[in-house]
Structures are given as structure tokens and as C-alpha cells.
Amino acid sequence: MTIRLLRQLVCFGIVGVAATLTHYLMALGSHEGLGLNLYAANLLGYVTAMAVSFYGHGWLTFRVALTRATLQRFVIASVSTFLSSEILLWALETGTSLPHRITLSIVVISVPVVSFILNKFWVYRPGSAASRSD
């Protein structure tokens, strides 16, 4: 494993934790503090967390200049990853007799791996002229 890849993995984790906390705190605060419907508050938290992820991964993890095309790829990858996680969870829950703690664990472990790969090789394309050096 190269130093660059290791740095990207660490940064990916840090940004991911920051986005997760943003999602939770924004949703909770919007619901409890502003009285938004829980589902609307969750959507607001999700969208806010997507912004943290987009900028955090662009600036910190993959160090690229952010463009409209990058944003479009990011939104497609984020929504696709979310929908895939729901489908995987449903398939595991309906197609196996595994306990829900195991099926949920499989989803929670696999989604960041897929997300990292999509982001590294498609969303924040490596080797572009806009990439900053490490």
C-alpha cells in the first residue's frame, strides 16, 4: 500500500465520520429544535452530509479542483450507493436467515468500500489536470 493510498483511506474515514455526525446532528436538531417532520429532518441531514462529503473528499481526501461534472458524478454515486445499500439489506433480510445485526453489519462494512472505489476512480478522477499533488 502506498503512502498516498493510505493517506486517502485515512482522510476518507475522517470525512466520512464528519459527514455522519453532520447528518445525525442536523436531522436531530431540525426535528427536535425546529419541529420538522422526522423524515424531512432526515432528508435535510442527508443533503447537508452530502455537502460535507463532496467538499471534504474533494479538498482533503482526493485533493482535486471541484467542478460541476464532479458534483454530478458525486450525486449519482451517493444516491446509487444509498439505493444499493437498501437493496443489499433487503436481499440479505429476505434471502437469508441471518440475524439483522449480521445483515446490517454486512451493509455497513461494504458500503464505504464501494463508495471509496467509486469516489477514487470515477467521481474524483485521478490524474486530471485539476488534481493537486500530495
N, C-alpha and C. Protein backbone atom coordinates (compact mmCIF):
# COMPACT_ATOMS: atom_id res chain seq x y z
N MET A 1 0.86 -1.18 0.00
CA MET A 1 0.00 0.00 0.00
C MET A 1 0.90 1.24 0.00
N THR A 2 0.60 2.15 -0.89
CA THR A 2 1.41 3.36 -0.97
C THR A 2 1.00 4.35 0.12
N ILE A 3 1.89 5.29 0.38
CA ILE A 3 1.61 6.36 1.36
C ILE A 3 0.40 7.16 0.89
N ARG A 4 0.33 7.44 -0.40
CA ARG A 4 -0.79 8.23 -0.95
C ARG A 4 -2.12 7.52 -0.70
N LEU A 5 -2.17 6.22 -0.98
CA LEU A 5 -3.41 5.47 -0.77
C LEU A 5 -3.76 5.41 0.70
N LEU A 6 -2.79 5.21 1.55
CA LEU A 6 -3.03 5.18 3.00
C LEU A 6 -3.58 6.53 3.47
N ARG A 7 -2.99 7.63 3.00
CA ARG A 7 -3.49 8.96 3.36
C ARG A 7 -4.92 9.13 2.89
N GLN A 8 -5.22 8.69 1.67
CA GLN A 8 -6.58 8.81 1.14
C GLN A 8 -7.57 8.00 1.99
N LEU A 9 -7.18 6.81 2.39
CA LEU A 9 -8.08 5.98 3.21
C LEU A 9 -8.34 6.62 4.57
N VAL A 10 -7.30 7.16 5.19
CA VAL A 10 -7.47 7.83 6.48
C VAL A 10 -8.36 9.06 6.33
N CYS A 11 -8.09 9.87 5.32
CA CYS A 11 -8.90 11.07 5.09
C CYS A 11 -10.34 10.70 4.75
N PHE A 12 -10.52 9.64 3.96
CA PHE A 12 -11.86 9.18 3.61
C PHE A 12 -12.64 8.84 4.88
N GLY A 13 -11.98 8.16 5.82
CA GLY A 13 -12.61 7.82 7.08
C GLY A 13 -12.96 9.05 7.91
N ILE A 14 -12.04 10.00 7.98
CA ILE A 14 -12.29 11.22 8.76
C ILE A 14 -13.45 12.00 8.17
N VAL A 15 -13.45 12.18 6.86
CA VAL A 15 -14.54 12.90 6.21
C VAL A 15 -15.86 12.14 6.38
N GLY A 16 -15.79 10.82 6.28
CA GLY A 16 -17.00 10.00 6.46
C GLY A 16 -17.60 10.15 7.85
N VAL A 17 -16.75 10.15 8.87
CA VAL A 17 -17.23 10.34 10.24
C VAL A 17 -17.82 11.74 10.39
N ALA A 18 -17.15 12.74 9.83
CA ALA A 18 -17.66 14.12 9.91
C ALA A 18 -19.02 14.23 9.22
N ALA A 19 -19.17 13.59 8.06
CA ALA A 19 -20.44 13.63 7.34
C ALA A 19 -21.54 12.91 8.12
N THR A 20 -21.20 11.78 8.72
CA THR A 20 -22.17 11.03 9.51
C THR A 20 -22.65 11.84 10.71
N LEU A 21 -21.71 12.47 11.41
CA LEU A 21 -22.09 13.32 12.55
C LEU A 21 -22.93 14.51 12.09
N THR A 22 -22.58 15.09 10.95
CA THR A 22 -23.36 16.20 10.40
C THR A 22 -24.78 15.75 10.11
N HIS A 23 -24.92 14.60 9.47
CA HIS A 23 -26.24 14.05 9.14
C HIS A 23 -27.07 13.90 10.42
N TYR A 24 -26.50 13.24 11.40
CA TYR A 24 -27.22 12.96 12.63
C TYR A 24 -27.59 14.25 13.37
N LEU A 25 -26.61 15.13 13.55
CA LEU A 25 -26.87 16.35 14.32
C LEU A 25 -27.84 17.29 13.60
N MET A 26 -27.73 17.39 12.29
CA MET A 26 -28.65 18.24 11.52
C MET A 26 -30.06 17.66 11.58
N ALA A 27 -30.19 16.37 11.40
CA ALA A 27 -31.52 15.74 11.45
C ALA A 27 -32.13 15.87 12.84
N LEU A 28 -31.35 15.58 13.86
CA LEU A 28 -31.84 15.67 15.23
C LEU A 28 -32.21 17.11 15.59
N GLY A 29 -31.32 18.04 15.27
CA GLY A 29 -31.59 19.44 15.58
C GLY A 29 -32.80 19.99 14.83
N SER A 30 -32.94 19.60 13.57
CA SER A 30 -34.08 20.06 12.77
C SER A 30 -35.40 19.50 13.29
N HIS A 31 -35.35 18.26 13.74
CA HIS A 31 -36.56 17.62 14.26
C HIS A 31 -36.91 18.16 15.65
N GLU A 32 -35.94 18.10 16.54
CA GLU A 32 -36.22 18.49 17.93
C GLU A 32 -36.23 20.01 18.13
N GLY A 33 -35.35 20.71 17.44
CA GLY A 33 -35.24 22.15 17.64
C GLY A 33 -36.19 22.98 16.79
N LEU A 34 -36.40 22.55 15.56
CA LEU A 34 -37.24 23.32 14.64
C LEU A 34 -38.62 22.69 14.43
N GLY A 35 -38.81 21.48 14.95
CA GLY A 35 -40.10 20.81 14.83
C GLY A 35 -40.38 20.23 13.45
N LEU A 36 -39.35 20.05 12.62
CA LEU A 36 -39.57 19.44 11.32
C LEU A 36 -40.00 17.98 11.48
N ASN A 37 -40.81 17.53 10.57
CA ASN A 37 -41.16 16.11 10.50
C ASN A 37 -39.86 15.31 10.46
N LEU A 38 -39.82 14.16 11.13
CA LEU A 38 -38.60 13.37 11.23
C LEU A 38 -38.03 13.00 9.87
N TYR A 39 -38.89 12.67 8.92
CA TYR A 39 -38.42 12.28 7.59
C TYR A 39 -37.85 13.47 6.82
N ALA A 40 -38.46 14.62 6.95
CA ALA A 40 -37.93 15.84 6.33
C ALA A 40 -36.61 16.22 6.99
N ALA A 41 -36.54 16.08 8.30
CA ALA A 41 -35.31 16.39 9.03
C ALA A 41 -34.19 15.44 8.61
N ASN A 42 -34.51 14.17 8.42
CA ASN A 42 -33.52 13.20 7.97
C ASN A 42 -33.02 13.54 6.57
N LEU A 43 -33.93 13.95 5.68
CA LEU A 43 -33.54 14.35 4.33
C LEU A 43 -32.62 15.57 4.38
N LEU A 44 -32.94 16.54 5.21
CA LEU A 44 -32.10 17.72 5.37
C LEU A 44 -30.71 17.32 5.89
N GLY A 45 -30.69 16.41 6.85
CA GLY A 45 -29.41 15.92 7.37
C GLY A 45 -28.61 15.20 6.31
N TYR A 46 -29.28 14.40 5.50
CA TYR A 46 -28.61 13.65 4.43
C TYR A 46 -28.00 14.60 3.40
N VAL A 47 -28.76 15.60 2.97
CA VAL A 47 -28.28 16.56 1.97
C VAL A 47 -27.11 17.37 2.53
N THR A 48 -27.20 17.77 3.78
CA THR A 48 -26.11 18.52 4.41
C THR A 48 -24.86 17.65 4.51
N ALA A 49 -25.04 16.39 4.87
CA ALA A 49 -23.91 15.46 4.96
C ALA A 49 -23.28 15.23 3.58
N MET A 50 -24.11 15.22 2.54
CA MET A 50 -23.57 15.08 1.18
C MET A 50 -22.64 16.25 0.84
N ALA A 51 -23.00 17.44 1.27
CA ALA A 51 -22.15 18.61 1.03
C ALA A 51 -20.81 18.46 1.76
N VAL A 52 -20.86 18.01 3.01
CA VAL A 52 -19.64 17.78 3.77
C VAL A 52 -18.78 16.74 3.06
N SER A 53 -19.39 15.67 2.58
CA SER A 53 -18.66 14.62 1.87
C SER A 53 -18.05 15.14 0.57
N PHE A 54 -18.85 15.84 -0.21
CA PHE A 54 -18.37 16.33 -1.50
C PHE A 54 -17.15 17.23 -1.34
N TYR A 55 -17.27 18.23 -0.50
CA TYR A 55 -16.16 19.16 -0.31
C TYR A 55 -15.00 18.51 0.45
N GLY A 56 -15.31 17.74 1.47
CA GLY A 56 -14.26 17.09 2.25
C GLY A 56 -13.43 16.12 1.42
N HIS A 57 -14.10 15.30 0.62
CA HIS A 57 -13.36 14.36 -0.21
C HIS A 57 -12.63 15.05 -1.35
N GLY A 58 -13.24 16.09 -1.90
CA GLY A 58 -12.57 16.82 -2.97
C GLY A 58 -11.32 17.55 -2.49
N TRP A 59 -11.45 18.25 -1.38
CA TRP A 59 -10.35 19.07 -0.88
C TRP A 59 -9.34 18.27 -0.06
N LEU A 60 -9.80 17.35 0.75
CA LEU A 60 -8.91 16.65 1.69
C LEU A 60 -8.50 15.26 1.19
N THR A 61 -9.48 14.44 0.85
CA THR A 61 -9.18 13.05 0.51
C THR A 61 -8.48 12.91 -0.84
N PHE A 62 -9.08 13.47 -1.89
CA PHE A 62 -8.56 13.26 -3.24
C PHE A 62 -7.86 14.48 -3.82
N ARG A 63 -7.99 15.62 -3.15
CA ARG A 63 -7.27 16.85 -3.50
C ARG A 63 -7.41 17.22 -4.97
N VAL A 64 -8.62 17.50 -5.36
CA VAL A 64 -8.89 17.93 -6.73
C VAL A 64 -9.68 19.23 -6.72
N ALA A 65 -9.59 19.95 -7.84
CA ALA A 65 -10.44 21.12 -8.02
C ALA A 65 -11.85 20.60 -8.32
N LEU A 66 -12.84 21.19 -7.67
CA LEU A 66 -14.21 20.70 -7.81
C LEU A 66 -14.92 21.42 -8.95
N THR A 67 -15.59 20.63 -9.77
CA THR A 67 -16.31 21.16 -10.93
C THR A 67 -17.76 20.69 -10.89
N ARG A 68 -18.54 21.25 -11.79
CA ARG A 68 -19.94 20.82 -11.91
C ARG A 68 -20.01 19.34 -12.28
N ALA A 69 -19.12 18.89 -13.16
CA ALA A 69 -19.10 17.48 -13.57
C ALA A 69 -18.77 16.58 -12.38
N THR A 70 -17.84 17.03 -11.53
CA THR A 70 -17.50 16.26 -10.33
C THR A 70 -18.72 16.17 -9.42
N LEU A 71 -19.42 17.28 -9.25
CA LEU A 71 -20.62 17.28 -8.42
C LEU A 71 -21.68 16.34 -8.98
N GLN A 72 -21.88 16.36 -10.27
CA GLN A 72 -22.88 15.47 -10.89
C GLN A 72 -22.51 14.01 -10.66
N ARG A 73 -21.25 13.66 -10.85
CA ARG A 73 -20.81 12.28 -10.61
C ARG A 73 -20.98 11.92 -9.13
N PHE A 74 -20.66 12.87 -8.25
CA PHE A 74 -20.79 12.62 -6.81
C PHE A 74 -22.23 12.33 -6.42
N VAL A 75 -23.16 13.13 -6.92
CA VAL A 75 -24.58 12.92 -6.58
C VAL A 75 -25.04 11.56 -7.09
N ILE A 76 -24.68 11.21 -8.31
CA ILE A 76 -25.05 9.90 -8.87
C ILE A 76 -24.47 8.78 -8.02
N ALA A 77 -23.19 8.89 -7.68
CA ALA A 77 -22.54 7.85 -6.87
C ALA A 77 -23.17 7.76 -5.48
N SER A 78 -23.46 8.89 -4.85
CA SER A 78 -24.02 8.88 -3.49
C SER A 78 -25.42 8.27 -3.46
N VAL A 79 -26.25 8.70 -4.39
CA VAL A 79 -27.62 8.16 -4.43
C VAL A 79 -27.59 6.68 -4.80
N SER A 80 -26.74 6.31 -5.75
CA SER A 80 -26.63 4.91 -6.15
C SER A 80 -26.14 4.03 -5.01
N THR A 81 -25.16 4.53 -4.27
CA THR A 81 -24.64 3.78 -3.14
C THR A 81 -25.71 3.60 -2.07
N PHE A 82 -26.47 4.66 -1.81
CA PHE A 82 -27.55 4.56 -0.83
C PHE A 82 -28.60 3.54 -1.27
N LEU A 83 -29.04 3.66 -2.51
CA LEU A 83 -30.06 2.72 -3.01
C LEU A 83 -29.53 1.28 -3.03
N SER A 84 -28.28 1.11 -3.40
CA SER A 84 -27.68 -0.22 -3.40
C SER A 84 -27.63 -0.80 -1.99
N SER A 85 -27.35 0.04 -1.01
CA SER A 85 -27.31 -0.45 0.36
C SER A 85 -28.69 -0.91 0.82
N GLU A 86 -29.71 -0.20 0.40
CA GLU A 86 -31.08 -0.61 0.74
C GLU A 86 -31.44 -1.93 0.06
N ILE A 87 -31.07 -2.08 -1.19
CA ILE A 87 -31.34 -3.31 -1.93
C ILE A 87 -30.57 -4.48 -1.32
N LEU A 88 -29.29 -4.26 -0.99
CA LEU A 88 -28.49 -5.31 -0.36
C LEU A 88 -29.09 -5.72 0.97
N LEU A 89 -29.50 -4.76 1.77
CA LEU A 89 -30.11 -5.08 3.06
C LEU A 89 -31.39 -5.88 2.87
N TRP A 90 -32.22 -5.44 1.94
CA TRP A 90 -33.48 -6.17 1.66
C TRP A 90 -33.17 -7.59 1.20
N ALA A 91 -32.21 -7.75 0.30
CA ALA A 91 -31.87 -9.08 -0.22
C ALA A 91 -31.35 -10.00 0.89
N LEU A 92 -30.52 -9.46 1.75
CA LEU A 92 -30.00 -10.26 2.86
C LEU A 92 -31.09 -10.61 3.86
N GLU A 93 -31.97 -9.66 4.12
CA GLU A 93 -33.05 -9.90 5.08
C GLU A 93 -34.08 -10.90 4.55
N THR A 94 -34.39 -10.82 3.28
CA THR A 94 -35.42 -11.71 2.73
C THR A 94 -34.85 -13.01 2.18
N GLY A 95 -33.58 -13.00 1.80
CA GLY A 95 -33.00 -14.17 1.15
C GLY A 95 -32.15 -15.06 2.03
N THR A 96 -31.91 -14.63 3.26
CA THR A 96 -31.10 -15.44 4.18
C THR A 96 -31.82 -15.51 5.53
N SER A 97 -31.31 -16.37 6.36
CA SER A 97 -31.85 -16.44 7.72
C SER A 97 -30.88 -15.82 8.73
N LEU A 98 -29.98 -15.00 8.23
CA LEU A 98 -29.02 -14.34 9.10
C LEU A 98 -29.74 -13.34 10.01
N PRO A 99 -29.25 -13.17 11.24
CA PRO A 99 -29.83 -12.16 12.14
C PRO A 99 -29.62 -10.76 11.56
N HIS A 100 -30.53 -9.84 11.90
CA HIS A 100 -30.45 -8.49 11.36
C HIS A 100 -29.16 -7.77 11.74
N ARG A 101 -28.59 -8.12 12.86
CA ARG A 101 -27.32 -7.49 13.25
C ARG A 101 -26.20 -7.87 12.27
N ILE A 102 -26.26 -9.07 11.75
CA ILE A 102 -25.26 -9.52 10.77
C ILE A 102 -25.52 -8.87 9.41
N THR A 103 -26.79 -8.89 8.97
CA THR A 103 -27.09 -8.31 7.65
C THR A 103 -26.77 -6.82 7.63
N LEU A 104 -27.11 -6.12 8.69
CA LEU A 104 -26.81 -4.69 8.76
C LEU A 104 -25.31 -4.46 8.80
N SER A 105 -24.58 -5.31 9.49
CA SER A 105 -23.12 -5.20 9.55
C SER A 105 -22.50 -5.38 8.16
N ILE A 106 -23.01 -6.32 7.40
CA ILE A 106 -22.51 -6.54 6.04
C ILE A 106 -22.70 -5.28 5.20
N VAL A 107 -23.87 -4.67 5.32
CA VAL A 107 -24.15 -3.45 4.57
C VAL A 107 -23.24 -2.31 5.02
N VAL A 108 -23.13 -2.12 6.32
CA VAL A 108 -22.34 -1.01 6.86
C VAL A 108 -20.86 -1.15 6.52
N ILE A 109 -20.37 -2.36 6.40
CA ILE A 109 -18.97 -2.58 6.04
C ILE A 109 -18.76 -2.44 4.53
N SER A 110 -19.69 -2.95 3.74
CA SER A 110 -19.50 -2.95 2.28
C SER A 110 -19.72 -1.59 1.64
N VAL A 111 -20.63 -0.80 2.15
CA VAL A 111 -20.95 0.49 1.52
C VAL A 111 -19.74 1.43 1.48
N PRO A 112 -19.01 1.63 2.57
CA PRO A 112 -17.84 2.52 2.48
C PRO A 112 -16.78 2.02 1.50
N VAL A 113 -16.62 0.71 1.38
CA VAL A 113 -15.64 0.15 0.43
C VAL A 113 -16.04 0.51 -1.00
N VAL A 114 -17.30 0.26 -1.33
CA VAL A 114 -17.80 0.58 -2.67
C VAL A 114 -17.74 2.09 -2.90
N SER A 115 -18.11 2.85 -1.90
CA SER A 115 -18.10 4.30 -2.01
C SER A 115 -16.69 4.83 -2.26
N PHE A 116 -15.70 4.29 -1.54
CA PHE A 116 -14.32 4.72 -1.75
C PHE A 116 -13.88 4.44 -3.18
N ILE A 117 -14.17 3.25 -3.66
CA ILE A 117 -13.77 2.87 -5.02
C ILE A 117 -14.43 3.78 -6.06
N LEU A 118 -15.74 4.01 -5.93
CA LEU A 118 -16.44 4.90 -6.86
C LEU A 118 -15.86 6.32 -6.82
N ASN A 119 -15.62 6.80 -5.62
CA ASN A 119 -15.10 8.16 -5.49
C ASN A 119 -13.68 8.29 -6.03
N LYS A 120 -12.84 7.33 -5.71
CA LYS A 120 -11.44 7.39 -6.14
C LYS A 120 -11.30 7.28 -7.65
N PHE A 121 -12.01 6.35 -8.27
CA PHE A 121 -11.78 6.06 -9.68
C PHE A 121 -12.80 6.68 -10.65
N TRP A 122 -13.88 7.25 -10.13
CA TRP A 122 -14.86 7.84 -11.04
C TRP A 122 -15.21 9.28 -10.66
N VAL A 123 -15.65 9.49 -9.44
CA VAL A 123 -16.11 10.83 -9.05
C VAL A 123 -14.96 11.84 -9.09
N TYR A 124 -13.92 11.56 -8.34
CA TYR A 124 -12.76 12.44 -8.27
C TYR A 124 -11.65 11.80 -9.11
N ARG A 125 -11.83 11.78 -10.40
CA ARG A 125 -10.95 11.07 -11.34
C ARG A 125 -9.48 11.38 -11.08
N PRO A 126 -8.67 10.31 -10.97
CA PRO A 126 -7.25 10.52 -10.74
C PRO A 126 -6.55 11.02 -12.00
N GLY A 127 -5.46 11.74 -11.80
CA GLY A 127 -4.64 12.15 -12.92
C GLY A 127 -5.20 13.28 -13.75
N SER A 128 -6.29 13.89 -13.31
CA SER A 128 -6.83 15.01 -14.07
C SER A 128 -5.93 16.22 -13.90
N ALA A 129 -6.02 17.13 -14.81
CA ALA A 129 -5.19 18.33 -14.75
C ALA A 129 -5.51 19.15 -13.50
N ALA A 130 -6.71 18.95 -12.94
CA ALA A 130 -7.12 19.72 -11.78
C ALA A 130 -6.65 19.11 -10.46
N SER A 131 -6.03 17.94 -10.50
CA SER A 131 -5.58 17.29 -9.27
C SER A 131 -4.42 18.06 -8.67
N ARG A 132 -4.44 18.16 -7.33
CA ARG A 132 -3.34 18.79 -6.62
C ARG A 132 -2.39 17.68 -6.16
N SER A 133 -1.14 17.95 -6.05
CA SER A 133 -0.19 16.94 -5.59
C SER A 133 -0.32 16.74 -4.10
N ASP A 134 0.14 15.58 -3.65
CA ASP A 134 0.07 15.25 -2.21
C ASP A 134 1.16 15.94 -1.46
